[in-house]
Amino acid sequence: MKKGLLILLVLICSFGLAHGASNLALSRASAKIGYNFDFEQLVLGADLNLGTLARDLYLVPQLEFSLGGDYSVFSIDGTLQYYFPTSGTIRPYAGGGLGFRTVSWDVGPGLDGSDTDFVLCVLGGADYDIGNPNMHLFTDLKIRFMGWGSDMGLWFGVSFAL
């Protein structure tokens, strides 16, 4: 399944670039807060919108981290987000990407360590127009698949035009 999704992502990127529809340039930066259901932790993050690869298909790298409790988590994902055409104040999107995650734990005497995995992620969410063209709110749900299993997080954030 992971290999098939990777091939699909490469084909989508290739299609957009081959048809001259790409417009890559840093256009937005986002700050976000979320909750990881598997680690039961609040998580902080930042996204950068690097522009379009094809119509309504955006390249969005994401950085996320949590500290505290028994686990510390650091993730970097490169995602593609497709925005569905709408005419209202809510713009739904779906996407996926690749990245890596490092998890460190200290759950008791002699029970500490860390693990780094490559991940495949899928996400869905929506941007909310708040009447300011330089700022909007967003929420999304992201699921990551890695060697030891999967995890899920719910995010809320604000995005600013650059």
N, C-alpha and C. Protein backbone atom coordinates (compact mmCIF):
# COMPACT_ATOMS: atom_id res chain seq x y z
N MET A 1 0.82 -1.18 0.00
CA MET A 1 0.00 0.00 0.00
C MET A 1 0.87 1.26 0.00
N LYS A 2 1.92 1.29 0.83
CA LYS A 2 2.79 2.47 0.90
C LYS A 2 3.46 2.73 -0.44
N LYS A 3 3.90 1.66 -1.10
CA LYS A 3 4.57 1.81 -2.39
C LYS A 3 3.61 2.39 -3.42
N GLY A 4 2.37 1.93 -3.41
CA GLY A 4 1.37 2.43 -4.34
C GLY A 4 1.07 3.90 -4.13
N LEU A 5 0.95 4.33 -2.87
CA LEU A 5 0.70 5.74 -2.58
C LEU A 5 1.88 6.62 -2.97
N LEU A 6 3.09 6.12 -2.76
CA LEU A 6 4.27 6.86 -3.16
C LEU A 6 4.29 7.06 -4.68
N ILE A 7 3.98 6.02 -5.42
CA ILE A 7 3.93 6.12 -6.88
C ILE A 7 2.86 7.12 -7.31
N LEU A 8 1.69 7.10 -6.65
CA LEU A 8 0.63 8.05 -6.96
C LEU A 8 1.08 9.48 -6.70
N LEU A 9 1.76 9.74 -5.59
CA LEU A 9 2.25 11.09 -5.29
C LEU A 9 3.25 11.56 -6.34
N VAL A 10 4.15 10.69 -6.76
CA VAL A 10 5.13 11.04 -7.79
C VAL A 10 4.43 11.36 -9.10
N LEU A 11 3.42 10.58 -9.47
CA LEU A 11 2.68 10.83 -10.71
C LEU A 11 1.94 12.16 -10.67
N ILE A 12 1.32 12.47 -9.53
CA ILE A 12 0.60 13.74 -9.40
C ILE A 12 1.57 14.90 -9.55
N CYS A 13 2.71 14.83 -8.87
CA CYS A 13 3.72 15.90 -8.98
C CYS A 13 4.22 16.03 -10.40
N SER A 14 4.50 14.92 -11.04
CA SER A 14 5.01 14.93 -12.41
C SER A 14 3.99 15.52 -13.36
N PHE A 15 2.72 15.17 -13.19
CA PHE A 15 1.67 15.68 -14.06
C PHE A 15 1.58 17.19 -13.96
N GLY A 16 1.58 17.71 -12.73
CA GLY A 16 1.48 19.15 -12.54
C GLY A 16 2.66 19.89 -13.12
N LEU A 17 3.87 19.39 -12.89
CA LEU A 17 5.06 20.05 -13.40
C LEU A 17 5.14 19.97 -14.91
N ALA A 18 4.73 18.85 -15.49
CA ALA A 18 4.80 18.67 -16.94
C ALA A 18 3.84 19.59 -17.67
N HIS A 19 2.75 19.97 -17.05
CA HIS A 19 1.76 20.81 -17.70
C HIS A 19 1.93 22.29 -17.37
N GLY A 20 3.04 22.64 -16.77
CA GLY A 20 3.34 24.05 -16.54
C GLY A 20 2.40 24.74 -15.56
N ALA A 21 1.68 23.99 -14.77
CA ALA A 21 0.71 24.58 -13.86
C ALA A 21 1.34 24.93 -12.51
N SER A 22 2.60 24.62 -12.34
CA SER A 22 3.20 24.86 -11.03
C SER A 22 3.52 26.33 -10.83
N ASN A 23 3.41 26.75 -9.60
CA ASN A 23 3.73 28.11 -9.20
C ASN A 23 4.33 28.03 -7.80
N LEU A 24 5.56 27.55 -7.73
CA LEU A 24 6.20 27.33 -6.44
C LEU A 24 6.83 28.61 -5.92
N ALA A 25 6.35 29.05 -4.77
CA ALA A 25 6.89 30.22 -4.07
C ALA A 25 6.29 30.22 -2.68
N LEU A 26 7.08 30.59 -1.70
CA LEU A 26 6.58 30.65 -0.33
C LEU A 26 5.46 31.68 -0.25
N SER A 27 4.25 31.24 0.08
CA SER A 27 3.12 32.16 0.08
C SER A 27 2.44 32.31 1.44
N ARG A 28 2.53 31.29 2.30
CA ARG A 28 1.85 31.34 3.60
C ARG A 28 2.69 30.63 4.65
N ALA A 29 2.54 31.06 5.90
CA ALA A 29 3.13 30.37 7.04
C ALA A 29 2.03 30.18 8.08
N SER A 30 2.06 29.05 8.77
CA SER A 30 1.00 28.73 9.73
C SER A 30 1.60 28.29 11.06
N ALA A 31 0.91 28.64 12.12
CA ALA A 31 1.21 28.13 13.46
C ALA A 31 0.00 27.31 13.89
N LYS A 32 0.26 26.19 14.57
CA LYS A 32 -0.86 25.32 14.93
C LYS A 32 -0.61 24.62 16.26
N ILE A 33 -1.70 24.18 16.86
CA ILE A 33 -1.66 23.38 18.07
C ILE A 33 -2.56 22.18 17.84
N GLY A 34 -2.14 21.05 18.36
CA GLY A 34 -2.93 19.85 18.14
C GLY A 34 -2.88 18.90 19.31
N TYR A 35 -3.58 17.80 19.14
CA TYR A 35 -3.60 16.76 20.16
C TYR A 35 -3.32 15.44 19.48
N ASN A 36 -2.31 14.72 19.97
CA ASN A 36 -1.98 13.39 19.47
C ASN A 36 -2.72 12.38 20.34
N PHE A 37 -3.65 11.66 19.74
CA PHE A 37 -4.49 10.73 20.49
C PHE A 37 -3.72 9.52 20.98
N ASP A 38 -2.68 9.11 20.27
CA ASP A 38 -1.94 7.92 20.66
C ASP A 38 -0.97 8.18 21.81
N PHE A 39 -0.30 9.34 21.79
CA PHE A 39 0.62 9.71 22.87
C PHE A 39 -0.07 10.51 23.97
N GLU A 40 -1.33 10.89 23.72
CA GLU A 40 -2.13 11.68 24.67
C GLU A 40 -1.38 12.94 25.09
N GLN A 41 -0.96 13.71 24.07
CA GLN A 41 -0.17 14.92 24.31
C GLN A 41 -0.63 16.07 23.43
N LEU A 42 -0.45 17.28 23.96
CA LEU A 42 -0.58 18.47 23.12
C LEU A 42 0.67 18.57 22.26
N VAL A 43 0.50 19.03 21.03
CA VAL A 43 1.59 19.11 20.07
C VAL A 43 1.56 20.50 19.43
N LEU A 44 2.73 21.07 19.19
CA LEU A 44 2.86 22.36 18.50
C LEU A 44 3.42 22.11 17.12
N GLY A 45 3.11 23.02 16.19
CA GLY A 45 3.63 22.82 14.85
C GLY A 45 3.63 24.09 14.02
N ALA A 46 4.23 23.97 12.84
CA ALA A 46 4.28 25.05 11.87
C ALA A 46 4.22 24.44 10.47
N ASP A 47 3.52 25.12 9.57
CA ASP A 47 3.42 24.70 8.17
C ASP A 47 3.90 25.85 7.29
N LEU A 48 4.44 25.50 6.14
CA LEU A 48 4.78 26.49 5.11
C LEU A 48 4.08 26.08 3.83
N ASN A 49 3.35 27.01 3.23
CA ASN A 49 2.73 26.75 1.93
C ASN A 49 3.71 27.22 0.87
N LEU A 50 4.26 26.27 0.10
CA LEU A 50 5.27 26.60 -0.91
C LEU A 50 4.69 26.77 -2.30
N GLY A 51 3.37 26.89 -2.41
CA GLY A 51 2.75 27.14 -3.70
C GLY A 51 2.16 25.90 -4.33
N THR A 52 1.78 26.04 -5.60
CA THR A 52 1.05 24.98 -6.29
C THR A 52 1.94 24.17 -7.22
N LEU A 53 1.67 22.87 -7.25
CA LEU A 53 2.29 21.97 -8.22
C LEU A 53 1.38 21.78 -9.42
N ALA A 54 0.09 21.91 -9.21
CA ALA A 54 -0.95 21.84 -10.23
C ALA A 54 -2.12 22.63 -9.67
N ARG A 55 -3.15 22.82 -10.47
CA ARG A 55 -4.30 23.59 -10.01
C ARG A 55 -4.86 22.98 -8.73
N ASP A 56 -4.96 23.79 -7.69
CA ASP A 56 -5.51 23.41 -6.38
C ASP A 56 -4.70 22.35 -5.64
N LEU A 57 -3.48 22.05 -6.07
CA LEU A 57 -2.62 21.07 -5.40
C LEU A 57 -1.39 21.80 -4.85
N TYR A 58 -1.31 21.90 -3.52
CA TYR A 58 -0.29 22.70 -2.85
C TYR A 58 0.77 21.82 -2.19
N LEU A 59 2.00 22.31 -2.19
CA LEU A 59 3.11 21.66 -1.50
C LEU A 59 3.25 22.32 -0.13
N VAL A 60 3.07 21.53 0.95
CA VAL A 60 3.04 22.08 2.30
C VAL A 60 3.91 21.24 3.23
N PRO A 61 5.18 21.63 3.46
CA PRO A 61 5.97 20.95 4.48
C PRO A 61 5.46 21.31 5.87
N GLN A 62 5.56 20.34 6.79
CA GLN A 62 5.04 20.52 8.14
C GLN A 62 6.06 20.08 9.17
N LEU A 63 6.19 20.85 10.24
CA LEU A 63 7.07 20.54 11.37
C LEU A 63 6.20 20.46 12.61
N GLU A 64 6.34 19.38 13.38
CA GLU A 64 5.52 19.20 14.57
C GLU A 64 6.36 18.61 15.70
N PHE A 65 6.11 19.08 16.94
CA PHE A 65 6.87 18.54 18.07
C PHE A 65 6.05 18.61 19.35
N SER A 66 6.35 17.69 20.25
CA SER A 66 5.76 17.71 21.58
C SER A 66 6.86 17.38 22.58
N LEU A 67 6.77 17.97 23.73
CA LEU A 67 7.71 17.71 24.82
C LEU A 67 6.91 17.54 26.09
N GLY A 68 7.41 16.72 26.97
CA GLY A 68 6.74 16.54 28.24
C GLY A 68 6.12 15.17 28.36
N GLY A 69 5.82 14.80 29.58
CA GLY A 69 5.26 13.48 29.80
C GLY A 69 6.32 12.42 29.59
N ASP A 70 5.90 11.25 29.25
CA ASP A 70 6.82 10.13 29.05
C ASP A 70 7.43 10.10 27.65
N TYR A 71 6.85 10.87 26.71
CA TYR A 71 7.28 10.82 25.32
C TYR A 71 7.60 12.20 24.79
N SER A 72 8.61 12.30 23.93
CA SER A 72 8.89 13.49 23.14
C SER A 72 8.83 13.06 21.68
N VAL A 73 8.14 13.85 20.87
CA VAL A 73 7.92 13.48 19.47
C VAL A 73 8.34 14.65 18.60
N PHE A 74 9.08 14.37 17.53
CA PHE A 74 9.49 15.36 16.54
C PHE A 74 9.21 14.79 15.16
N SER A 75 8.47 15.54 14.34
CA SER A 75 8.09 15.06 13.00
C SER A 75 8.32 16.13 11.96
N ILE A 76 8.77 15.70 10.79
CA ILE A 76 8.83 16.55 9.60
C ILE A 76 8.16 15.78 8.48
N ASP A 77 7.14 16.41 7.86
CA ASP A 77 6.42 15.79 6.75
C ASP A 77 6.40 16.73 5.57
N GLY A 78 6.52 16.19 4.38
CA GLY A 78 6.29 16.93 3.15
C GLY A 78 4.96 16.48 2.59
N THR A 79 3.95 17.35 2.62
CA THR A 79 2.62 16.93 2.19
C THR A 79 2.18 17.65 0.92
N LEU A 80 1.30 16.99 0.20
CA LEU A 80 0.57 17.59 -0.91
C LEU A 80 -0.87 17.71 -0.46
N GLN A 81 -1.46 18.90 -0.63
CA GLN A 81 -2.84 19.12 -0.20
C GLN A 81 -3.66 19.59 -1.39
N TYR A 82 -4.73 18.83 -1.69
CA TYR A 82 -5.64 19.19 -2.78
C TYR A 82 -6.85 19.90 -2.19
N TYR A 83 -7.09 21.13 -2.65
CA TYR A 83 -8.24 21.91 -2.20
C TYR A 83 -9.39 21.71 -3.18
N PHE A 84 -10.52 21.26 -2.65
CA PHE A 84 -11.70 21.03 -3.49
C PHE A 84 -12.31 22.38 -3.87
N PRO A 85 -12.71 22.53 -5.14
CA PRO A 85 -13.31 23.80 -5.58
C PRO A 85 -14.62 24.08 -4.82
N THR A 86 -14.71 25.26 -4.22
CA THR A 86 -15.91 25.69 -3.51
C THR A 86 -16.09 27.18 -3.74
N SER A 87 -17.26 27.68 -3.40
CA SER A 87 -17.51 29.11 -3.53
C SER A 87 -17.83 29.76 -2.19
N GLY A 88 -17.75 29.02 -1.10
CA GLY A 88 -18.09 29.57 0.21
C GLY A 88 -16.88 29.98 1.01
N THR A 89 -17.10 30.16 2.30
CA THR A 89 -16.03 30.58 3.20
C THR A 89 -15.23 29.41 3.75
N ILE A 90 -15.66 28.19 3.47
CA ILE A 90 -14.95 26.99 3.93
C ILE A 90 -14.37 26.28 2.71
N ARG A 91 -13.05 26.01 2.75
CA ARG A 91 -12.37 25.30 1.66
C ARG A 91 -11.85 23.97 2.18
N PRO A 92 -12.55 22.86 1.89
CA PRO A 92 -12.07 21.55 2.34
C PRO A 92 -10.88 21.08 1.51
N TYR A 93 -10.03 20.27 2.13
CA TYR A 93 -8.88 19.71 1.43
C TYR A 93 -8.59 18.31 1.93
N ALA A 94 -7.86 17.58 1.11
CA ALA A 94 -7.38 16.24 1.47
C ALA A 94 -5.97 16.12 0.92
N GLY A 95 -5.18 15.28 1.55
CA GLY A 95 -3.81 15.15 1.07
C GLY A 95 -3.07 14.02 1.72
N GLY A 96 -1.80 14.01 1.45
CA GLY A 96 -0.92 12.99 2.00
C GLY A 96 0.52 13.37 1.75
N GLY A 97 1.41 12.58 2.30
CA GLY A 97 2.82 12.88 2.10
C GLY A 97 3.73 11.88 2.78
N LEU A 98 5.00 12.23 2.73
CA LEU A 98 6.05 11.41 3.31
C LEU A 98 6.84 12.24 4.31
N GLY A 99 7.47 11.58 5.26
CA GLY A 99 8.27 12.30 6.23
C GLY A 99 9.02 11.36 7.13
N PHE A 100 9.46 11.92 8.26
CA PHE A 100 10.07 11.06 9.27
C PHE A 100 9.68 11.57 10.65
N ARG A 101 9.76 10.67 11.60
CA ARG A 101 9.37 10.96 12.97
C ARG A 101 10.37 10.33 13.92
N THR A 102 10.74 11.08 14.95
CA THR A 102 11.58 10.56 16.03
C THR A 102 10.77 10.61 17.32
N VAL A 103 10.72 9.50 18.00
CA VAL A 103 10.03 9.40 19.29
C VAL A 103 11.06 9.01 20.33
N SER A 104 11.13 9.77 21.41
CA SER A 104 11.99 9.44 22.56
C SER A 104 11.08 9.18 23.74
N TRP A 105 11.46 8.22 24.58
CA TRP A 105 10.63 7.90 25.73
C TRP A 105 11.48 7.63 26.96
N ASP A 106 10.88 7.91 28.10
CA ASP A 106 11.46 7.61 29.41
C ASP A 106 10.28 7.27 30.31
N VAL A 107 9.97 5.98 30.38
CA VAL A 107 8.77 5.54 31.10
C VAL A 107 9.09 4.86 32.42
N GLY A 108 10.34 4.94 32.85
CA GLY A 108 10.72 4.34 34.12
C GLY A 108 12.19 3.99 34.13
N PRO A 109 12.70 3.55 35.27
CA PRO A 109 14.12 3.18 35.38
C PRO A 109 14.50 2.10 34.35
N GLY A 110 15.47 2.43 33.52
CA GLY A 110 15.94 1.50 32.50
C GLY A 110 15.01 1.33 31.32
N LEU A 111 13.93 2.11 31.26
CA LEU A 111 12.96 2.00 30.17
C LEU A 111 12.93 3.28 29.35
N ASP A 112 14.09 3.64 28.81
CA ASP A 112 14.17 4.82 27.97
C ASP A 112 14.79 4.43 26.63
N GLY A 113 14.59 5.29 25.65
CA GLY A 113 15.14 5.03 24.33
C GLY A 113 14.54 5.97 23.31
N SER A 114 14.82 5.69 22.05
CA SER A 114 14.27 6.49 20.96
C SER A 114 14.19 5.64 19.71
N ASP A 115 13.37 6.10 18.78
CA ASP A 115 13.18 5.39 17.52
C ASP A 115 12.85 6.42 16.45
N THR A 116 13.44 6.27 15.28
CA THR A 116 13.15 7.13 14.14
C THR A 116 12.63 6.27 13.01
N ASP A 117 11.52 6.69 12.41
CA ASP A 117 10.90 5.95 11.31
C ASP A 117 10.54 6.90 10.18
N PHE A 118 10.58 6.37 8.96
CA PHE A 118 9.96 7.06 7.84
C PHE A 118 8.47 6.85 7.96
N VAL A 119 7.69 7.86 7.56
CA VAL A 119 6.24 7.77 7.71
C VAL A 119 5.54 8.12 6.40
N LEU A 120 4.35 7.60 6.28
CA LEU A 120 3.41 7.95 5.23
C LEU A 120 2.23 8.58 5.96
N CYS A 121 1.78 9.75 5.53
CA CYS A 121 0.66 10.38 6.23
C CYS A 121 -0.47 10.69 5.26
N VAL A 122 -1.67 10.68 5.79
CA VAL A 122 -2.86 11.12 5.07
C VAL A 122 -3.55 12.14 5.96
N LEU A 123 -4.20 13.12 5.34
CA LEU A 123 -4.85 14.16 6.12
C LEU A 123 -6.06 14.70 5.38
N GLY A 124 -6.92 15.30 6.14
CA GLY A 124 -8.09 15.98 5.59
C GLY A 124 -8.46 17.11 6.53
N GLY A 125 -8.97 18.19 5.96
CA GLY A 125 -9.31 19.32 6.80
C GLY A 125 -10.02 20.40 6.02
N ALA A 126 -10.03 21.60 6.59
CA ALA A 126 -10.69 22.73 5.95
C ALA A 126 -10.04 24.03 6.40
N ASP A 127 -9.98 24.98 5.47
CA ASP A 127 -9.58 26.35 5.76
C ASP A 127 -10.86 27.16 5.95
N TYR A 128 -10.84 28.11 6.88
CA TYR A 128 -12.00 28.94 7.18
C TYR A 128 -11.65 30.40 6.92
N ASP A 129 -12.35 31.02 5.97
CA ASP A 129 -12.17 32.44 5.66
C ASP A 129 -12.80 33.26 6.78
N ILE A 130 -12.01 34.13 7.39
CA ILE A 130 -12.53 34.96 8.49
C ILE A 130 -12.69 36.42 8.07
N GLY A 131 -12.67 36.67 6.76
CA GLY A 131 -12.88 38.02 6.26
C GLY A 131 -11.61 38.84 6.12
N ASN A 132 -10.47 38.29 6.45
CA ASN A 132 -9.19 38.97 6.30
C ASN A 132 -8.39 38.22 5.25
N PRO A 133 -8.09 38.83 4.09
CA PRO A 133 -7.39 38.09 3.03
C PRO A 133 -5.98 37.65 3.41
N ASN A 134 -5.40 38.25 4.45
CA ASN A 134 -4.05 37.88 4.86
C ASN A 134 -4.00 36.82 5.95
N MET A 135 -5.18 36.34 6.39
CA MET A 135 -5.20 35.38 7.48
C MET A 135 -6.44 34.49 7.36
N HIS A 136 -6.27 33.21 7.67
CA HIS A 136 -7.43 32.31 7.79
C HIS A 136 -7.14 31.27 8.87
N LEU A 137 -8.20 30.65 9.33
CA LEU A 137 -8.09 29.58 10.32
C LEU A 137 -8.19 28.24 9.61
N PHE A 138 -7.68 27.19 10.23
CA PHE A 138 -7.81 25.86 9.63
C PHE A 138 -7.85 24.80 10.71
N THR A 139 -8.36 23.66 10.33
CA THR A 139 -8.33 22.47 11.18
C THR A 139 -8.10 21.27 10.29
N ASP A 140 -7.37 20.29 10.79
CA ASP A 140 -7.24 19.05 10.03
C ASP A 140 -6.98 17.86 10.94
N LEU A 141 -7.21 16.71 10.39
CA LEU A 141 -6.97 15.44 11.05
C LEU A 141 -5.91 14.72 10.24
N LYS A 142 -4.83 14.31 10.90
CA LYS A 142 -3.72 13.65 10.20
C LYS A 142 -3.47 12.29 10.82
N ILE A 143 -3.30 11.29 9.96
CA ILE A 143 -2.95 9.94 10.40
C ILE A 143 -1.61 9.59 9.77
N ARG A 144 -0.68 9.13 10.59
CA ARG A 144 0.65 8.71 10.11
C ARG A 144 0.77 7.20 10.23
N PHE A 145 1.37 6.60 9.20
CA PHE A 145 1.65 5.17 9.20
C PHE A 145 3.17 5.00 9.18
N MET A 146 3.68 4.17 10.09
CA MET A 146 5.12 3.94 10.18
C MET A 146 5.37 2.48 10.52
N GLY A 147 6.64 2.12 10.67
CA GLY A 147 7.01 0.73 10.88
C GLY A 147 6.36 0.06 12.07
N TRP A 148 6.14 0.79 13.16
CA TRP A 148 5.59 0.18 14.37
C TRP A 148 4.09 0.33 14.50
N GLY A 149 3.44 1.01 13.57
CA GLY A 149 1.99 1.18 13.66
C GLY A 149 1.55 2.50 13.06
N SER A 150 0.62 3.16 13.73
CA SER A 150 0.11 4.43 13.23
C SER A 150 -0.24 5.33 14.42
N ASP A 151 -0.43 6.61 14.13
CA ASP A 151 -0.95 7.52 15.14
C ASP A 151 -1.80 8.57 14.47
N MET A 152 -2.58 9.28 15.27
CA MET A 152 -3.55 10.23 14.74
C MET A 152 -3.52 11.51 15.57
N GLY A 153 -3.61 12.65 14.88
CA GLY A 153 -3.64 13.94 15.55
C GLY A 153 -4.69 14.86 14.96
N LEU A 154 -5.27 15.70 15.79
CA LEU A 154 -6.24 16.71 15.39
C LEU A 154 -5.60 18.07 15.61
N TRP A 155 -5.66 18.93 14.57
CA TRP A 155 -4.95 20.20 14.58
C TRP A 155 -5.89 21.38 14.40
N PHE A 156 -5.52 22.52 15.02
CA PHE A 156 -6.19 23.81 14.82
C PHE A 156 -5.08 24.84 14.66
N GLY A 157 -5.28 25.76 13.69
CA GLY A 157 -4.22 26.74 13.49
C GLY A 157 -4.67 27.99 12.78
N VAL A 158 -3.72 28.88 12.61
CA VAL A 158 -3.94 30.13 11.89
C VAL A 158 -2.84 30.25 10.84
N SER A 159 -3.22 30.70 9.65
CA SER A 159 -2.29 30.82 8.53
C SER A 159 -2.21 32.28 8.10
N PHE A 160 -1.00 32.74 7.83
CA PHE A 160 -0.75 34.13 7.45
C PHE A 160 -0.13 34.21 6.06
N ALA A 161 -0.61 35.15 5.25
CA ALA A 161 -0.01 35.40 3.94
C ALA A 161 1.34 36.07 4.13
N LEU A 162 2.30 35.71 3.28
CA LEU A 162 3.64 36.31 3.34
C LEU A 162 3.86 37.25 2.17
